[in-house]
Amino acid sequence: MATDRLISRLMDHLAHEPDASAVTVLHELLDDSTIEDAAPPVGIAEAAALLDLSPHTLRYYEDEGLVRPARTAGGYREYSAFDLRRLVFLTRMRVSGMTMADLRRYIALVEQGETTVAERRRIMLDQRDRIERRIRELTLALETTEYKIRTYTRGSA
């Protein structure tokens, strides 16, 4: 799902359910548990629709070496359940602000196998730290905005 559209859907959902957890809502919007291993492969248009991504984005991720869908005899892409789950992961990481360079490095490590688990864990720990810092920054920005709204509300009464 494209980042802007995902954030918009997340904010709309939270506006209607203010007590909902943003993390829970995000997982619902990007739930990959519905992707069954035995599901037949899908073409690029169906994969794009399932993930709310554009075909251009799917081709970009492929060009970057992040996903490698199989091809039919006619050369058309076929996205397996594995490919779709990886795309959900990539989307979640992009929403979190992970850079393409970090994603390329992470996926390269995944493809090297179990010997890279420690380095992959380090990448995820670093990403978590960046996310937590960004949340603190956004919380401060929200508090400042709320303060100004209260100030202007008092002034207009």
Protein backbone atom coordinates (compact mmCIF):
# COMPACT_ATOMS: atom_id res chain seq x y z
CA MET A 1 0.00 0.00 0.00
CA ALA A 2 1.42 3.37 -0.95
CA THR A 3 2.59 5.27 2.10
CA ASP A 4 0.39 8.35 1.64
CA ARG A 5 -2.72 6.27 1.02
CA LEU A 6 -1.93 4.02 3.96
CA ILE A 7 -1.45 6.95 6.33
CA SER A 8 -4.67 8.52 5.06
CA ARG A 9 -6.63 5.28 5.63
CA LEU A 10 -5.01 4.88 9.04
CA MET A 11 -5.93 8.41 10.08
CA ASP A 12 -9.50 8.03 8.77
CA HIS A 13 -9.91 4.81 10.71
CA LEU A 14 -8.52 6.34 13.90
CA ALA A 15 -10.80 9.38 13.50
CA HIS A 16 -13.81 7.04 13.54
CA GLU A 17 -12.39 4.91 16.35
CA PRO A 18 -10.27 7.26 18.50
CA ASP A 19 -9.69 4.61 21.18
CA ALA A 20 -8.24 2.14 18.68
CA SER A 21 -4.54 1.37 18.75
CA ALA A 22 -2.75 2.76 15.70
CA VAL A 23 -0.56 -0.34 15.64
CA THR A 24 -3.59 -2.65 15.68
CA VAL A 25 -5.27 -0.67 12.90
CA LEU A 26 -2.07 -0.68 10.84
CA HIS A 27 -1.79 -4.45 11.19
CA GLU A 28 -5.42 -4.81 10.10
CA LEU A 29 -4.81 -2.63 7.05
CA LEU A 30 -1.67 -4.57 6.12
CA ASP A 31 -2.61 -8.01 7.38
CA ASP A 32 -0.57 -10.60 5.55
CA SER A 33 -2.07 -13.55 7.43
CA THR A 34 -4.80 -13.73 4.81
CA ILE A 35 -2.20 -14.67 2.20
CA GLU A 36 -2.38 -18.45 2.11
CA ASP A 37 0.69 -20.47 1.13
CA ALA A 38 -1.39 -22.61 -1.22
CA ALA A 39 -2.94 -19.62 -2.99
CA PRO A 40 -2.21 -19.60 -6.71
CA PRO A 41 0.18 -16.93 -7.97
CA VAL A 42 -1.36 -13.66 -9.12
CA GLY A 43 -0.41 -11.26 -11.87
CA ILE A 44 0.89 -7.77 -11.34
CA ALA A 45 -2.52 -6.07 -11.59
CA GLU A 46 -4.07 -8.38 -8.98
CA ALA A 47 -1.02 -8.11 -6.70
CA ALA A 48 -1.16 -4.32 -6.96
CA ALA A 49 -4.87 -4.32 -6.13
CA LEU A 50 -4.43 -6.73 -3.19
CA LEU A 51 -1.68 -4.59 -1.68
CA ASP A 52 -3.07 -1.20 -2.72
CA LEU A 53 0.19 -0.47 -4.52
CA SER A 54 0.68 0.61 -8.08
CA PRO A 55 2.13 -1.80 -10.65
CA HIS A 56 4.89 0.80 -11.03
CA THR A 57 5.80 0.37 -7.34
CA LEU A 58 5.87 -3.42 -7.71
CA ARG A 59 8.18 -3.13 -10.73
CA TYR A 60 10.36 -0.67 -8.78
CA TYR A 61 10.73 -3.12 -5.87
CA GLU A 62 11.64 -5.80 -8.40
CA ASP A 63 14.18 -3.51 -10.10
CA GLU A 64 15.71 -2.84 -6.66
CA GLY A 65 16.08 -6.61 -6.09
CA LEU A 66 13.65 -6.66 -3.18
CA VAL A 67 11.19 -9.11 -4.72
CA ARG A 68 11.65 -11.55 -7.57
CA PRO A 69 8.33 -12.82 -8.90
CA ALA A 70 8.38 -15.80 -11.20
CA ARG A 71 7.51 -15.32 -14.86
CA THR A 72 5.03 -17.19 -17.01
CA ALA A 73 6.10 -18.67 -20.32
CA GLY A 74 4.77 -15.47 -21.87
CA GLY A 75 6.94 -13.33 -19.59
CA TYR A 76 4.20 -12.10 -17.26
CA ARG A 77 4.97 -11.70 -13.56
CA GLU A 78 3.45 -14.19 -11.13
CA TYR A 79 3.48 -13.14 -7.48
CA SER A 80 3.46 -16.08 -5.07
CA ALA A 81 2.22 -15.97 -1.48
CA PHE A 82 5.88 -15.57 -0.46
CA ASP A 83 6.27 -12.56 -2.79
CA LEU A 84 3.06 -10.97 -1.49
CA ARG A 85 4.12 -11.39 2.14
CA ARG A 86 7.49 -9.87 1.35
CA LEU A 87 5.75 -6.92 -0.30
CA VAL A 88 3.62 -6.42 2.83
CA PHE A 89 6.82 -6.39 4.89
CA LEU A 90 8.47 -3.91 2.52
CA THR A 91 5.43 -1.66 2.69
CA ARG A 92 5.43 -1.73 6.49
CA MET A 93 9.11 -0.87 6.59
CA ARG A 94 8.70 2.00 4.11
CA VAL A 95 5.83 3.39 6.21
CA SER A 96 8.19 3.26 9.19
CA GLY A 97 10.71 5.35 7.27
CA MET A 98 13.24 2.63 6.48
CA THR A 99 15.44 3.70 3.61
CA MET A 100 15.68 1.78 0.37
CA ALA A 101 19.38 1.23 1.06
CA ASP A 102 18.56 -0.40 4.40
CA LEU A 103 15.83 -2.49 2.79
CA ARG A 104 18.19 -3.67 0.06
CA ARG A 105 20.79 -4.58 2.68
CA TYR A 106 18.21 -6.37 4.85
CA ILE A 107 16.76 -8.41 1.96
CA ALA A 108 20.28 -9.32 0.76
CA LEU A 109 21.00 -10.63 4.26
CA VAL A 110 17.73 -12.58 4.35
CA GLU A 111 18.65 -14.23 1.07
CA GLN A 112 22.08 -15.21 2.47
CA GLY A 113 20.37 -17.35 5.10
CA GLU A 114 20.48 -18.03 8.81
CA THR A 115 24.09 -16.95 9.28
CA THR A 116 22.96 -13.32 8.95
CA VAL A 117 20.30 -13.31 11.68
CA ALA A 118 22.40 -11.24 14.09
CA GLU A 119 22.98 -8.53 11.49
CA ARG A 120 19.32 -8.52 10.48
CA ARG A 121 18.36 -8.16 14.12
CA ARG A 122 20.73 -5.19 14.41
CA ILE A 123 19.08 -3.52 11.40
CA MET A 124 15.66 -4.01 12.99
CA LEU A 125 16.86 -2.69 16.37
CA ASP A 126 18.28 0.39 14.68
CA GLN A 127 15.01 0.88 12.78
CA ARG A 128 13.03 0.55 16.00
CA ASP A 129 15.22 3.27 17.57
CA ARG A 130 14.58 5.57 14.59
CA ILE A 131 10.82 4.91 14.81
CA GLU A 132 10.73 5.57 18.55
CA ARG A 133 12.67 8.82 18.08
CA ARG A 134 10.26 9.90 15.33
CA ILE A 135 7.27 9.07 17.55
CA ARG A 136 8.73 11.28 20.29
CA GLU A 137 9.28 14.09 17.77
CA LEU A 138 5.74 13.78 16.46
CA THR A 139 4.33 13.64 19.99
CA LEU A 140 6.08 16.91 20.82
CA ALA A 141 4.79 18.44 17.57
CA LEU A 142 1.26 17.27 18.42
CA GLU A 143 1.48 18.69 21.94
CA THR A 144 2.67 22.01 20.53
CA THR A 145 -0.17 22.04 18.01
CA GLU A 146 -2.73 21.21 20.72
CA TYR A 147 -1.34 24.02 22.89
CA LYS A 148 -1.75 26.51 20.04
CA ILE A 149 -5.29 25.30 19.36
CA ARG A 150 -6.18 25.79 23.03
CA THR A 151 -4.57 29.25 22.95
CA TYR A 152 -6.57 30.28 19.89
CA THR A 153 -9.76 28.78 21.32
CA ARG A 154 -9.40 30.88 24.50
CA GLY A 155 -8.70 33.96 22.44
CA SER A 156 -11.82 33.58 20.27
CA ALA A 157 -14.27 32.98 23.11
